[in-house]
Amino acid sequence: MNHLSSIDASFLHFETPETPMHVGSLMLLDIPAAYKGDYFEDFKAMIAKRMHLASVLTRKLAPMPFELAEPVWIEDGNIDLDHHVRSLMLRRPGSMDQLQRLVARLHSSLLDRSRPLWELYVIEGLESGQVALYTKAHHSGVDGKAGTELAKVLYDISPQVREVPPPRRKLGNRSAGGYQLGMAELLQAAVSNSAQQYRKLAGLMPTAAKALAAAAQVLASQRTGKDERALTIGMAPKTIFNDATTNQRSYSTLTLPFEDLKALGKRVGGTVNTIVMAMCSEALRRFLNERSLLSKEALIAGVPVSLRAEGDDSMNNQVSMVRVDLATDIEDMAERFKAIHNSSEAAKAVVREVKPVLGVDMPMTGAPWIMTSLASLYGRSNLARRLPPMANVLISNVPGPQAPLYVAGARMVSFYPVSIPYHGSALNITVQSYAGQLDLGITACRRILSQEESYELIDHLRAALRKIERLPSVEVASQAQSTKADERAAAAAAPAPLDGKKKTPAKTRTATGKPEKKRTPARQAAVARRVN
């Protein structure tokens, strides 16, 4: 029995019928040319043999009595694999447009909480001859070690499907045979977990004080001059994306060369993350401007950041969010790129200092029903439209495997993320690196961003990248700035004309430092007589 952390549980409590809180992936797989079998059946057989390697596939939720505390994970000893692993066939011609619309529809439905919270779909019939694999799992249980375990089940590093040892029979495990735990057992676990959390909080107080003091110093160092762009960000302006959502989804994808983006970021003075943010800034600016909906204030991105320490493989979510200035109020791309990079680096600097306290569990009696009620109220009362938003769009950058992977003998050629829009943030743009490329997925509420508009945003992202590629390199830009600075300095050092008249030469001075008097012809003769 494992308790959900407060962050893990929040993904459950904030879930409503309009806001499913699962994340997913869309993979495109190349089937070997000599393959003659049934790929779906082979894939399902592989999952059956490897399920015991990932607890995320074999555990389910056990809610606390009266929802007084967070639920726990328990082992499910009776898993219906036919429910979790499914086969679908696209109608002809089997285009990418058909596939993306299908994924959008599959991503809109809630997972069954009485079972382990995951589903896998093998999708055949693509005109390219490839097979697609769509996966979805609830965000409450797929971060950290759980994600690593799931990778061990799904992926191989060669076309050869590896064999794994069979599971060992579990002895003395009551939860494996029963459907749910008893009430007394659950209440005892809740009390014990709360006491443990309070002890952790008490021990963390000195660390928290140091972290907050360090963060305050970082914030103070980020103060800018009068004519410089502020690094502190206020509330975001209202846009069409800041509204309550339905459960209907739109979805589109884009693939970019990772190494080219890395080299481009270095050349223009940023990172791959800066390139992605600048692309999103330009694409959203064009999209809204074409509809006369662009705010005069800069759009703000909500960017998830990992709080996980290196080597930490605990099975829980450790994530927070920072806000980054997208600088859409700046016309010049070079200036906007610099503003985005500075804002992103400033936000990350603060997070580094407060990392020790951001992911702390905060025990609260009755949290499940309180948070669920607030989530439902927020979505159905138009508060998402009325309240000022914290961010206009969610943008995530997820590091992925850099070596090619194989799924049941088929080589994975694309690894697109499928993410979570929410009330007040109906647009989510997520990128994931994989095997030398960057795969991007746009997931949105279909009522706010239709499927056709999602494709339009993809086109704007392509155009934005071409615009960034035309920026001068940092060396050329710095030389140009240095030349301009020299010209300004030279102009400042030159004597200014008086009333527009030609400048008169300065008076010469004698050895005593007094101005020398003007020599008339008579005075010059007198001086000559004294010298002789």
Protein backbone atom coordinates (compact mmCIF):
# COMPACT_ATOMS: atom_id res chain seq x y z
CA MET A 1 0.00 0.00 0.00
CA ASN A 2 1.52 3.32 -1.08
CA HIS A 3 0.04 6.74 -0.36
CA LEU A 4 -0.21 9.29 -3.13
CA SER A 5 1.72 12.48 -2.48
CA SER A 6 -0.26 15.72 -2.39
CA ILE A 7 0.99 16.61 -5.89
CA ASP A 8 0.08 13.17 -7.27
CA ALA A 9 -3.35 13.33 -5.69
CA SER A 10 -4.02 16.84 -7.02
CA PHE A 11 -4.12 15.40 -10.55
CA LEU A 12 -6.98 13.19 -9.36
CA HIS A 13 -8.83 15.88 -7.45
CA PHE A 14 -8.64 18.46 -10.24
CA GLU A 15 -9.97 15.98 -12.79
CA THR A 16 -13.51 16.65 -14.02
CA PRO A 17 -15.46 15.19 -16.97
CA GLU A 18 -14.32 18.25 -18.97
CA THR A 19 -10.67 17.99 -17.92
CA PRO A 20 -9.23 14.45 -18.12
CA MET A 21 -5.87 14.46 -16.34
CA HIS A 22 -4.01 11.78 -18.24
CA VAL A 23 -0.94 12.24 -20.41
CA GLY A 24 -0.12 10.23 -23.50
CA SER A 25 2.17 9.59 -26.43
CA LEU A 26 1.64 8.92 -30.12
CA MET A 27 4.37 6.74 -31.61
CA LEU A 28 4.87 5.90 -35.27
CA LEU A 29 6.46 2.49 -35.78
CA ASP A 30 8.20 0.98 -38.82
CA ILE A 31 7.32 -2.71 -39.12
CA PRO A 32 10.24 -4.86 -40.41
CA ALA A 33 9.88 -5.66 -44.12
CA ALA A 34 10.09 -9.42 -43.52
CA TYR A 35 7.48 -9.41 -40.75
CA LYS A 36 4.51 -11.71 -41.49
CA GLY A 37 2.75 -11.99 -38.13
CA ASP A 38 -0.14 -10.17 -36.41
CA TYR A 39 1.49 -7.15 -34.79
CA PHE A 40 -1.35 -6.42 -32.37
CA GLU A 41 -1.35 -9.97 -30.99
CA ASP A 42 2.44 -9.98 -30.69
CA PHE A 43 2.37 -6.62 -28.93
CA LYS A 44 -0.32 -7.73 -26.47
CA ALA A 45 1.58 -10.96 -25.72
CA MET A 46 4.71 -8.89 -24.99
CA ILE A 47 2.79 -6.68 -22.54
CA ALA A 48 1.35 -9.74 -20.79
CA LYS A 49 4.84 -11.17 -20.23
CA ARG A 50 6.30 -7.87 -18.97
CA MET A 51 3.51 -6.33 -16.88
CA HIS A 52 5.15 -7.31 -13.61
CA LEU A 53 8.13 -5.06 -14.45
CA ALA A 54 6.07 -1.88 -13.98
CA SER A 55 3.90 -1.38 -10.93
CA VAL A 56 2.06 1.42 -12.77
CA LEU A 57 0.44 -1.33 -14.88
CA THR A 58 -0.65 -3.47 -11.95
CA ARG A 59 -1.79 -1.02 -9.29
CA LYS A 60 -5.12 0.72 -8.82
CA LEU A 61 -6.62 3.32 -6.49
CA ALA A 62 -8.21 2.68 -3.12
CA PRO A 63 -10.05 5.83 -1.92
CA MET A 64 -10.15 6.67 1.78
CA PRO A 65 -13.47 6.41 3.67
CA PHE A 66 -15.49 9.63 3.27
CA GLU A 67 -12.50 10.99 1.29
CA LEU A 68 -10.91 12.28 4.49
CA ALA A 69 -7.37 11.77 3.17
CA GLU A 70 -5.49 11.04 -0.02
CA PRO A 71 -6.13 7.64 -1.67
CA VAL A 72 -3.55 4.84 -1.78
CA TRP A 73 -2.20 2.57 -4.49
CA ILE A 74 -2.93 -1.14 -4.03
CA GLU A 75 -2.04 -4.17 -6.14
CA ASP A 76 -4.71 -5.38 -8.57
CA GLY A 77 -4.62 -9.14 -8.84
CA ASN A 78 -7.24 -9.44 -11.56
CA ILE A 79 -6.25 -7.31 -14.58
CA ASP A 80 -8.33 -7.55 -17.76
CA LEU A 81 -5.72 -7.14 -20.48
CA ASP A 82 -8.37 -6.94 -23.22
CA HIS A 83 -9.65 -3.76 -21.58
CA HIS A 84 -6.22 -2.11 -21.40
CA VAL A 85 -4.70 -3.17 -24.74
CA ARG A 86 -6.92 -2.45 -27.76
CA SER A 87 -6.77 -2.61 -31.56
CA LEU A 88 -8.13 0.02 -33.97
CA MET A 89 -8.10 0.31 -37.76
CA LEU A 90 -8.16 3.57 -39.74
CA ARG A 91 -10.43 3.83 -42.75
CA ARG A 92 -8.82 4.47 -46.12
CA PRO A 93 -6.68 6.28 -47.04
CA GLY A 94 -5.28 6.25 -43.48
CA SER A 95 -3.82 9.76 -43.49
CA MET A 96 -2.04 11.58 -40.66
CA ASP A 97 -5.03 13.87 -40.42
CA GLN A 98 -7.26 10.85 -39.69
CA LEU A 99 -4.78 9.55 -37.13
CA GLN A 100 -4.51 12.87 -35.30
CA ARG A 101 -8.30 13.28 -35.16
CA LEU A 102 -8.60 9.75 -33.76
CA VAL A 103 -5.97 10.45 -31.08
CA ALA A 104 -7.81 13.67 -30.15
CA ARG A 105 -11.01 11.65 -29.63
CA LEU A 106 -9.29 8.88 -27.64
CA HIS A 107 -7.59 11.47 -25.43
CA SER A 108 -10.92 13.07 -24.47
CA SER A 109 -12.34 10.13 -22.46
CA LEU A 110 -11.68 9.51 -18.77
CA LEU A 111 -9.83 6.45 -17.52
CA ASP A 112 -11.76 3.92 -15.42
CA ARG A 113 -10.71 4.50 -11.79
CA SER A 114 -11.82 1.02 -10.71
CA ARG A 115 -8.95 -0.41 -12.80
CA PRO A 116 -5.24 0.42 -13.22
CA LEU A 117 -5.11 3.86 -14.84
CA TRP A 118 -3.67 3.16 -18.31
CA GLU A 119 -4.70 2.15 -21.84
CA LEU A 120 -2.71 1.22 -24.97
CA TYR A 121 -4.03 1.39 -28.56
CA VAL A 122 -2.41 -0.27 -31.58
CA ILE A 123 -3.68 1.63 -34.65
CA GLU A 124 -3.25 0.09 -38.11
CA GLY A 125 -4.30 1.08 -41.62
CA LEU A 126 -1.94 4.03 -42.14
CA GLU A 127 -1.24 4.80 -45.80
CA SER A 128 2.47 5.00 -44.96
CA GLY A 129 2.48 1.33 -44.00
CA GLN A 130 3.47 2.22 -40.46
CA VAL A 131 1.69 1.20 -37.26
CA ALA A 132 0.77 3.83 -34.65
CA LEU A 133 0.78 3.24 -30.90
CA TYR A 134 -1.21 5.61 -28.70
CA THR A 135 -0.68 5.32 -24.95
CA LYS A 136 -2.40 7.14 -22.11
CA ALA A 137 -1.87 6.95 -18.36
CA HIS A 138 -3.10 9.10 -15.51
CA HIS A 139 -0.71 11.88 -14.50
CA SER A 140 -1.09 10.90 -10.84
CA GLY A 141 1.13 7.87 -11.39
CA VAL A 142 3.46 8.24 -14.37
CA ASP A 143 6.33 10.47 -13.25
CA GLY A 144 9.74 9.47 -11.97
CA LYS A 145 10.40 5.79 -11.38
CA ALA A 146 7.02 4.79 -12.80
CA GLY A 147 7.97 6.28 -16.17
CA THR A 148 11.28 4.41 -16.13
CA GLU A 149 9.52 1.14 -15.29
CA LEU A 150 7.00 1.65 -18.09
CA ALA A 151 9.85 2.17 -20.55
CA LYS A 152 11.27 -1.22 -19.54
CA VAL A 153 7.97 -2.83 -20.48
CA LEU A 154 7.34 -1.10 -23.82
CA TYR A 155 10.77 -0.55 -25.36
CA ASP A 156 13.82 -2.49 -26.51
CA ILE A 157 17.10 -1.08 -27.79
CA SER A 158 17.25 -3.48 -30.76
CA PRO A 159 14.77 -5.21 -33.10
CA GLN A 160 15.31 -8.41 -31.10
CA VAL A 161 12.45 -8.73 -28.60
CA ARG A 162 14.15 -9.50 -25.29
CA GLU A 163 12.92 -12.20 -22.97
CA VAL A 164 12.26 -11.32 -19.33
CA PRO A 165 12.03 -13.59 -16.27
CA PRO A 166 8.46 -14.53 -15.30
CA PRO A 167 6.94 -12.90 -12.19
CA ARG A 168 7.44 -14.50 -8.81
CA ARG A 169 4.41 -15.64 -6.88
CA LYS A 170 3.61 -13.18 -4.10
CA LEU A 171 3.13 -14.69 -0.67
CA GLY A 172 1.09 -13.23 2.15
CA ASN A 173 -0.26 -10.36 0.04
CA ARG A 174 -3.89 -9.80 1.02
CA SER A 175 -4.44 -6.91 -1.39
CA ALA A 176 -3.54 -9.10 -4.37
CA GLY A 177 -6.50 -11.37 -3.72
CA GLY A 178 -9.07 -8.89 -2.47
CA TYR A 179 -10.82 -6.23 -4.52
CA GLN A 180 -10.36 -3.41 -1.99
CA LEU A 181 -8.90 -2.92 1.48
CA GLY A 182 -10.99 -2.75 4.66
CA MET A 183 -12.12 0.56 6.18
CA ALA A 184 -10.16 0.15 9.41
CA GLU A 185 -6.99 -0.66 7.48
CA LEU A 186 -7.39 2.42 5.28
CA LEU A 187 -8.09 4.79 8.21
CA GLN A 188 -5.07 3.49 10.11
CA ALA A 189 -2.88 4.07 7.04
CA ALA A 190 -4.26 7.61 6.62
CA VAL A 191 -3.45 8.57 10.22
CA SER A 192 0.04 7.08 9.99
CA ASN A 193 0.77 8.87 6.70
CA SER A 194 -0.42 12.26 8.02
CA ALA A 195 1.77 11.95 11.11
CA GLN A 196 4.76 11.12 8.93
CA GLN A 197 4.10 14.15 6.69
CA TYR A 198 3.90 16.53 9.67
CA ARG A 199 7.22 15.19 10.98
CA LYS A 200 8.81 15.86 7.58
CA LEU A 201 7.40 19.39 7.55
CA ALA A 202 8.84 20.14 10.99
CA GLY A 203 12.28 18.90 9.97
CA LEU A 204 12.19 20.97 6.79
CA MET A 205 11.68 24.35 8.48
CA PRO A 206 15.39 25.39 8.64
CA THR A 207 15.92 24.35 5.01
CA ALA A 208 12.81 26.24 3.94
CA ALA A 209 13.99 29.43 5.65
CA LYS A 210 17.38 29.27 3.90
CA ALA A 211 15.78 28.53 0.53
CA LEU A 212 13.33 31.42 0.76
CA ALA A 213 16.08 33.82 1.83
CA ALA A 214 18.24 32.74 -1.13
CA ALA A 215 15.29 33.14 -3.50
CA ALA A 216 14.67 36.65 -2.16
CA GLN A 217 18.29 37.54 -2.92
CA VAL A 218 17.95 36.20 -6.47
CA LEU A 219 14.78 38.24 -6.99
CA ALA A 220 16.51 41.36 -5.69
CA SER A 221 19.41 40.83 -8.10
CA GLN A 222 16.96 40.63 -11.00
CA ARG A 223 15.77 44.20 -10.63
CA THR A 224 16.20 46.08 -13.88
CA GLY A 225 16.88 49.68 -14.77
CA LYS A 226 14.28 52.25 -15.72
CA ASP A 227 14.55 51.70 -19.48
CA GLU A 228 15.10 47.92 -19.32
CA ARG A 229 12.38 45.27 -19.63
CA ALA A 230 11.28 44.04 -16.20
CA LEU A 231 11.98 40.41 -15.29
CA THR A 232 9.12 40.32 -12.80
CA ILE A 233 5.83 39.34 -14.47
CA GLY A 234 2.34 40.47 -13.53
CA MET A 235 -0.94 38.76 -14.42
CA ALA A 236 -1.43 37.62 -18.00
CA PRO A 237 -3.79 39.44 -20.39
CA LYS A 238 -7.08 37.81 -21.36
CA THR A 239 -7.07 35.77 -24.58
CA ILE A 240 -9.41 33.30 -26.26
CA PHE A 241 -7.38 30.46 -24.71
CA ASN A 242 -8.27 31.53 -21.17
CA ASP A 243 -11.71 30.01 -20.90
CA ALA A 244 -13.45 26.94 -19.49
CA THR A 245 -12.89 23.82 -21.58
CA THR A 246 -15.00 20.91 -22.75
CA ASN A 247 -13.65 17.35 -22.88
CA GLN A 248 -13.39 17.51 -26.69
CA ARG A 249 -9.85 17.75 -28.02
CA SER A 250 -7.94 18.83 -31.12
CA TYR A 251 -4.46 17.49 -31.78
CA SER A 252 -1.64 18.10 -34.27
CA THR A 253 2.06 17.25 -34.53
CA LEU A 254 5.35 18.58 -35.90
CA THR A 255 8.86 17.08 -36.15
CA LEU A 256 12.03 19.21 -36.11
CA PRO A 257 15.76 18.29 -36.23
CA PHE A 258 17.11 18.54 -32.68
CA GLU A 259 20.78 19.11 -33.49
CA ASP A 260 19.92 21.90 -35.94
CA LEU A 261 17.85 23.63 -33.25
CA LYS A 262 20.68 23.21 -30.75
CA ALA A 263 23.17 24.79 -33.17
CA LEU A 264 20.70 27.57 -34.01
CA GLY A 265 20.19 28.38 -30.33
CA LYS A 266 23.94 28.61 -29.78
CA ARG A 267 24.33 30.86 -32.84
CA VAL A 268 21.63 33.35 -31.86
CA GLY A 269 22.37 33.40 -28.13
CA GLY A 270 19.87 31.01 -26.57
CA THR A 271 19.02 27.35 -25.93
CA VAL A 272 16.72 24.82 -27.56
CA ASN A 273 14.15 25.80 -24.94
CA THR A 274 14.49 29.47 -25.96
CA ILE A 275 14.00 28.49 -29.62
CA VAL A 276 10.80 26.62 -28.74
CA MET A 277 9.46 29.49 -26.64
CA ALA A 278 10.28 32.03 -29.38
CA MET A 279 8.57 29.85 -31.99
CA CYS A 280 5.45 29.64 -29.83
CA SER A 281 5.57 33.40 -29.21
CA GLU A 282 5.71 34.21 -32.93
CA ALA A 283 3.08 31.60 -33.86
CA LEU A 284 0.60 32.80 -31.23
CA ARG A 285 1.29 36.43 -32.14
CA ARG A 286 0.44 35.76 -35.80
CA PHE A 287 -2.56 33.59 -34.99
CA LEU A 288 -4.15 36.20 -32.71
CA ASN A 289 -3.14 39.19 -34.84
CA GLU A 290 -4.82 37.70 -37.91
CA ARG A 291 -8.05 37.66 -35.91
CA SER A 292 -7.53 41.14 -34.43
CA LEU A 293 -7.29 39.50 -31.00
CA LEU A 294 -3.66 40.21 -30.10
CA SER A 295 -3.32 41.92 -26.73
CA LYS A 296 -1.11 44.99 -26.37
CA GLU A 297 0.32 43.32 -23.26
CA ALA A 298 2.78 40.45 -23.61
CA LEU A 299 1.44 36.89 -23.44
CA ILE A 300 2.75 34.69 -20.64
CA ALA A 301 3.58 30.98 -20.81
CA GLY A 302 3.15 28.56 -17.93
CA VAL A 303 6.16 26.21 -18.06
CA PRO A 304 6.33 23.02 -15.94
CA VAL A 305 9.72 22.42 -14.32
CA SER A 306 11.01 19.26 -12.66
CA LEU A 307 11.92 19.39 -8.98
CA ARG A 308 13.49 15.92 -8.99
CA ALA A 309 17.03 15.69 -7.63
CA GLU A 310 19.60 13.76 -9.62
CA GLY A 311 19.42 10.06 -8.79
CA ASP A 312 15.94 10.32 -7.22
CA ASP A 313 13.83 7.43 -8.55
CA SER A 314 10.88 7.70 -6.15
CA MET A 315 7.51 6.91 -7.70
CA ASN A 316 5.79 10.27 -7.41
CA ASN A 317 5.37 13.52 -9.30
CA GLN A 318 7.88 16.22 -8.41
CA VAL A 319 6.95 19.14 -10.59
CA SER A 320 6.15 22.82 -10.28
CA MET A 321 5.49 25.62 -12.76
CA VAL A 322 7.18 28.90 -13.66
CA ARG A 323 5.91 31.74 -15.83
CA VAL A 324 7.88 33.04 -18.80
CA ASP A 325 7.41 36.32 -20.66
CA LEU A 326 6.67 35.57 -24.35
CA ALA A 327 7.27 39.24 -25.21
CA THR A 328 4.56 39.28 -27.93
CA ASP A 329 4.35 43.06 -27.53
CA ILE A 330 7.81 43.38 -29.17
CA GLU A 331 7.80 43.54 -32.96
CA ASP A 332 11.54 42.96 -33.54
CA MET A 333 12.34 39.23 -33.38
CA ALA A 334 15.93 39.69 -32.17
CA GLU A 335 14.82 41.89 -29.29
CA ARG A 336 11.91 39.54 -28.47
CA PHE A 337 14.21 36.49 -28.51
CA LYS A 338 16.51 38.14 -26.00
CA ALA A 339 13.60 39.12 -23.73
CA ILE A 340 12.24 35.54 -23.77
CA HIS A 341 15.65 34.06 -22.96
CA ASN A 342 16.24 36.49 -20.08
CA SER A 343 12.79 35.81 -18.61
CA SER A 344 13.25 32.03 -18.84
CA GLU A 345 16.69 32.11 -17.19
CA ALA A 346 15.43 34.41 -14.42
CA ALA A 347 12.52 32.07 -13.64
CA LYS A 348 14.79 29.01 -13.50
CA ALA A 349 17.22 30.83 -11.19
CA VAL A 350 14.47 31.35 -8.61
CA VAL A 351 13.27 27.73 -8.86
CA ARG A 352 16.79 26.43 -8.22
CA GLU A 353 16.80 28.17 -4.85
CA VAL A 354 13.33 27.12 -3.67
CA LYS A 355 13.50 23.56 -5.02
CA PRO A 356 13.81 21.98 -1.55
CA VAL A 357 10.39 23.31 -0.44
CA LEU A 358 8.28 23.37 -3.60
CA GLY A 359 7.54 19.65 -3.75
CA VAL A 360 6.74 19.15 -0.06
CA ASP A 361 3.62 17.17 0.85
CA MET A 362 1.03 19.32 2.62
CA PRO A 363 -1.40 17.10 4.55
CA MET A 364 -4.98 18.42 4.70
CA THR A 365 -8.00 16.61 6.06
CA GLY A 366 -10.79 16.37 3.51
CA ALA A 367 -8.55 17.46 0.63
CA PRO A 368 -10.13 15.07 -1.94
CA TRP A 369 -13.70 16.36 -1.74
CA ILE A 370 -12.68 20.01 -1.12
CA MET A 371 -10.36 20.16 -4.15
CA THR A 372 -12.75 18.21 -6.40
CA SER A 373 -15.58 20.57 -5.53
CA LEU A 374 -13.43 23.63 -6.22
CA ALA A 375 -12.31 22.20 -9.59
CA SER A 376 -15.92 21.60 -10.63
CA LEU A 377 -16.96 25.09 -9.46
CA TYR A 378 -14.11 26.73 -11.35
CA GLY A 379 -15.03 25.07 -14.63
CA ARG A 380 -18.81 25.48 -14.48
CA SER A 381 -19.16 28.99 -13.04
CA ASN A 382 -17.35 30.91 -15.81
CA LEU A 383 -14.64 31.89 -13.31
CA ALA A 384 -12.03 30.76 -15.83
CA ARG A 385 -13.30 33.46 -18.18
CA ARG A 386 -13.77 36.16 -15.56
CA LEU A 387 -10.64 35.87 -13.43
CA PRO A 388 -7.30 37.25 -14.70
CA PRO A 389 -5.18 34.31 -15.87
CA MET A 390 -1.79 33.41 -14.49
CA ALA A 391 -0.69 32.24 -17.96
CA ASN A 392 -2.12 32.22 -21.48
CA VAL A 393 -0.63 28.95 -22.75
CA LEU A 394 1.12 25.90 -21.31
CA ILE A 395 4.48 25.07 -22.93
CA SER A 396 6.49 22.00 -21.87
CA ASN A 397 9.89 20.68 -22.95
CA VAL A 398 10.39 17.02 -22.03
CA PRO A 399 13.80 15.34 -22.46
CA GLY A 400 13.42 11.94 -24.10
CA PRO A 401 15.65 9.02 -25.13
CA GLN A 402 18.33 9.90 -27.67
CA ALA A 403 18.91 6.36 -28.98
CA PRO A 404 16.41 4.68 -31.35
CA LEU A 405 13.90 2.43 -29.56
CA TYR A 406 11.92 -0.61 -30.70
CA VAL A 407 8.44 -1.77 -29.69
CA ALA A 408 7.76 -5.49 -30.19
CA GLY A 409 10.40 -5.55 -32.96
CA ALA A 410 9.16 -2.38 -34.75
CA ARG A 411 11.43 0.68 -34.86
CA MET A 412 9.96 3.84 -33.34
CA VAL A 413 10.45 6.76 -35.76
CA SER A 414 8.39 9.43 -33.95
CA PHE A 415 7.49 10.00 -30.29
CA TYR A 416 4.86 12.76 -30.09
CA PRO A 417 3.58 13.91 -26.67
CA VAL A 418 -0.15 14.26 -26.00
CA SER A 419 -0.78 16.48 -22.99
CA ILE A 420 -3.37 18.22 -20.78
CA PRO A 421 -5.31 21.43 -21.49
CA TYR A 422 -7.27 22.76 -18.51
CA HIS A 423 -9.86 25.35 -17.54
CA GLY A 424 -8.25 28.74 -18.08
CA SER A 425 -5.41 27.24 -20.16
CA ALA A 426 -7.10 25.55 -23.08
CA LEU A 427 -3.93 25.26 -25.17
CA ASN A 428 -0.98 23.00 -24.35
CA ILE A 429 2.16 22.85 -26.53
CA THR A 430 4.59 20.09 -25.53
CA VAL A 431 7.86 19.07 -27.19
CA GLN A 432 9.87 15.92 -26.57
CA SER A 433 13.34 15.08 -27.83
CA TYR A 434 13.90 11.64 -29.31
CA ALA A 435 16.73 10.10 -31.37
CA GLY A 436 18.07 13.32 -32.87
CA GLN A 437 14.74 15.05 -33.40
CA LEU A 438 12.24 17.19 -31.52
CA ASP A 439 8.64 15.93 -31.70
CA LEU A 440 5.97 18.50 -30.90
CA GLY A 441 2.31 17.96 -30.04
CA ILE A 442 -0.44 20.60 -29.73
CA THR A 443 -3.31 19.47 -27.50
CA ALA A 444 -6.24 21.86 -27.05
CA CYS A 445 -9.94 22.13 -26.32
CA ARG A 446 -11.62 21.69 -29.73
CA ARG A 447 -14.23 24.32 -28.93
CA ILE A 448 -11.50 26.94 -28.49
CA LEU A 449 -8.94 25.70 -31.06
CA SER A 450 -10.50 23.56 -33.80
CA GLN A 451 -8.59 20.84 -35.64
CA GLU A 452 -8.15 23.12 -38.68
CA GLU A 453 -6.92 25.96 -36.44
CA SER A 454 -4.49 23.55 -34.78
CA TYR A 455 -2.98 22.84 -38.21
CA GLU A 456 -2.85 26.60 -38.83
CA LEU A 457 -0.84 27.02 -35.64
CA ILE A 458 1.56 24.30 -36.82
CA ASP A 459 2.12 26.29 -40.05
CA HIS A 460 2.81 29.41 -37.99
CA LEU A 461 5.37 27.47 -35.93
CA ARG A 462 7.21 26.49 -39.12
CA ALA A 463 7.18 30.10 -40.32
CA ALA A 464 8.41 31.26 -36.89
CA LEU A 465 11.40 28.92 -37.08
CA ARG A 466 12.34 30.32 -40.50
CA LYS A 467 12.17 33.82 -39.03
CA ILE A 468 14.46 32.85 -36.14
CA GLU A 469 16.90 31.26 -38.61
CA ARG A 470 17.28 34.67 -40.29
CA LEU A 471 18.48 36.32 -37.07
CA PRO A 472 22.13 37.43 -37.04
CA SER A 473 24.58 35.42 -34.97
CA VAL A 474 25.47 36.73 -31.53
CA GLU A 475 28.97 37.61 -32.80
CA VAL A 476 27.64 39.72 -35.66
CA ALA A 477 25.00 41.30 -33.41
CA SER A 478 27.57 42.15 -30.71
CA GLN A 479 29.91 43.67 -33.31
CA ALA A 480 27.06 45.79 -34.67
CA GLN A 481 26.17 46.92 -31.14
CA SER A 482 29.85 47.73 -30.45
CA THR A 483 30.09 49.79 -33.66
CA LYS A 484 26.94 51.70 -32.74
CA ALA A 485 28.29 52.28 -29.24
CA ASP A 486 31.57 53.62 -30.67
CA GLU A 487 29.67 55.94 -33.00
CA ARG A 488 27.58 57.23 -30.09
CA ALA A 489 30.71 57.76 -27.98
CA ALA A 490 32.46 59.62 -30.79
CA ALA A 491 29.42 61.82 -31.35
CA ALA A 492 29.24 62.60 -27.63
CA ALA A 493 32.95 63.49 -27.49
CA ALA A 494 32.79 65.91 -30.46
CA PRO A 495 32.25 69.64 -29.55
CA ALA A 496 28.67 70.62 -30.14
CA PRO A 497 28.01 73.65 -32.48
CA LEU A 498 26.64 76.75 -30.81
CA ASP A 499 23.39 78.08 -32.26
CA GLY A 500 24.17 76.24 -35.47
CA LYS A 501 27.20 78.50 -36.18
CA LYS A 502 30.63 77.28 -37.13
CA LYS A 503 32.67 76.44 -34.04
CA THR A 504 35.45 78.87 -33.17
CA PRO A 505 38.86 77.50 -32.17
CA ALA A 506 39.61 77.41 -28.48
CA LYS A 507 41.87 80.13 -27.08
CA THR A 508 45.50 79.17 -26.60
CA ARG A 509 46.93 79.48 -23.13
CA THR A 510 50.24 80.77 -21.81
CA ALA A 511 52.59 78.83 -19.54
CA THR A 512 50.76 80.31 -16.55
CA GLY A 513 47.54 78.83 -17.78
CA LYS A 514 45.96 82.20 -18.59
CA PRO A 515 44.33 82.69 -22.00
CA GLU A 516 46.69 84.31 -24.46
CA LYS A 517 45.53 87.75 -25.64
CA LYS A 518 44.90 88.32 -29.30
CA ARG A 519 47.96 89.82 -30.99
CA THR A 520 47.32 92.98 -33.01
CA PRO A 521 50.01 94.28 -35.49
CA ALA A 522 51.17 96.92 -32.96
CA ARG A 523 51.43 94.33 -30.17
CA GLN A 524 53.36 91.95 -32.43
CA ALA A 525 55.92 94.77 -33.17
CA ALA A 526 56.32 95.48 -29.44
CA VAL A 527 56.95 91.80 -28.72
CA ALA A 528 59.56 91.67 -31.50
CA ARG A 529 61.43 94.68 -29.99
CA ARG A 530 61.55 93.01 -26.53
CA VAL A 531 62.93 89.81 -28.01
CA ASN A 532 65.66 91.67 -29.93
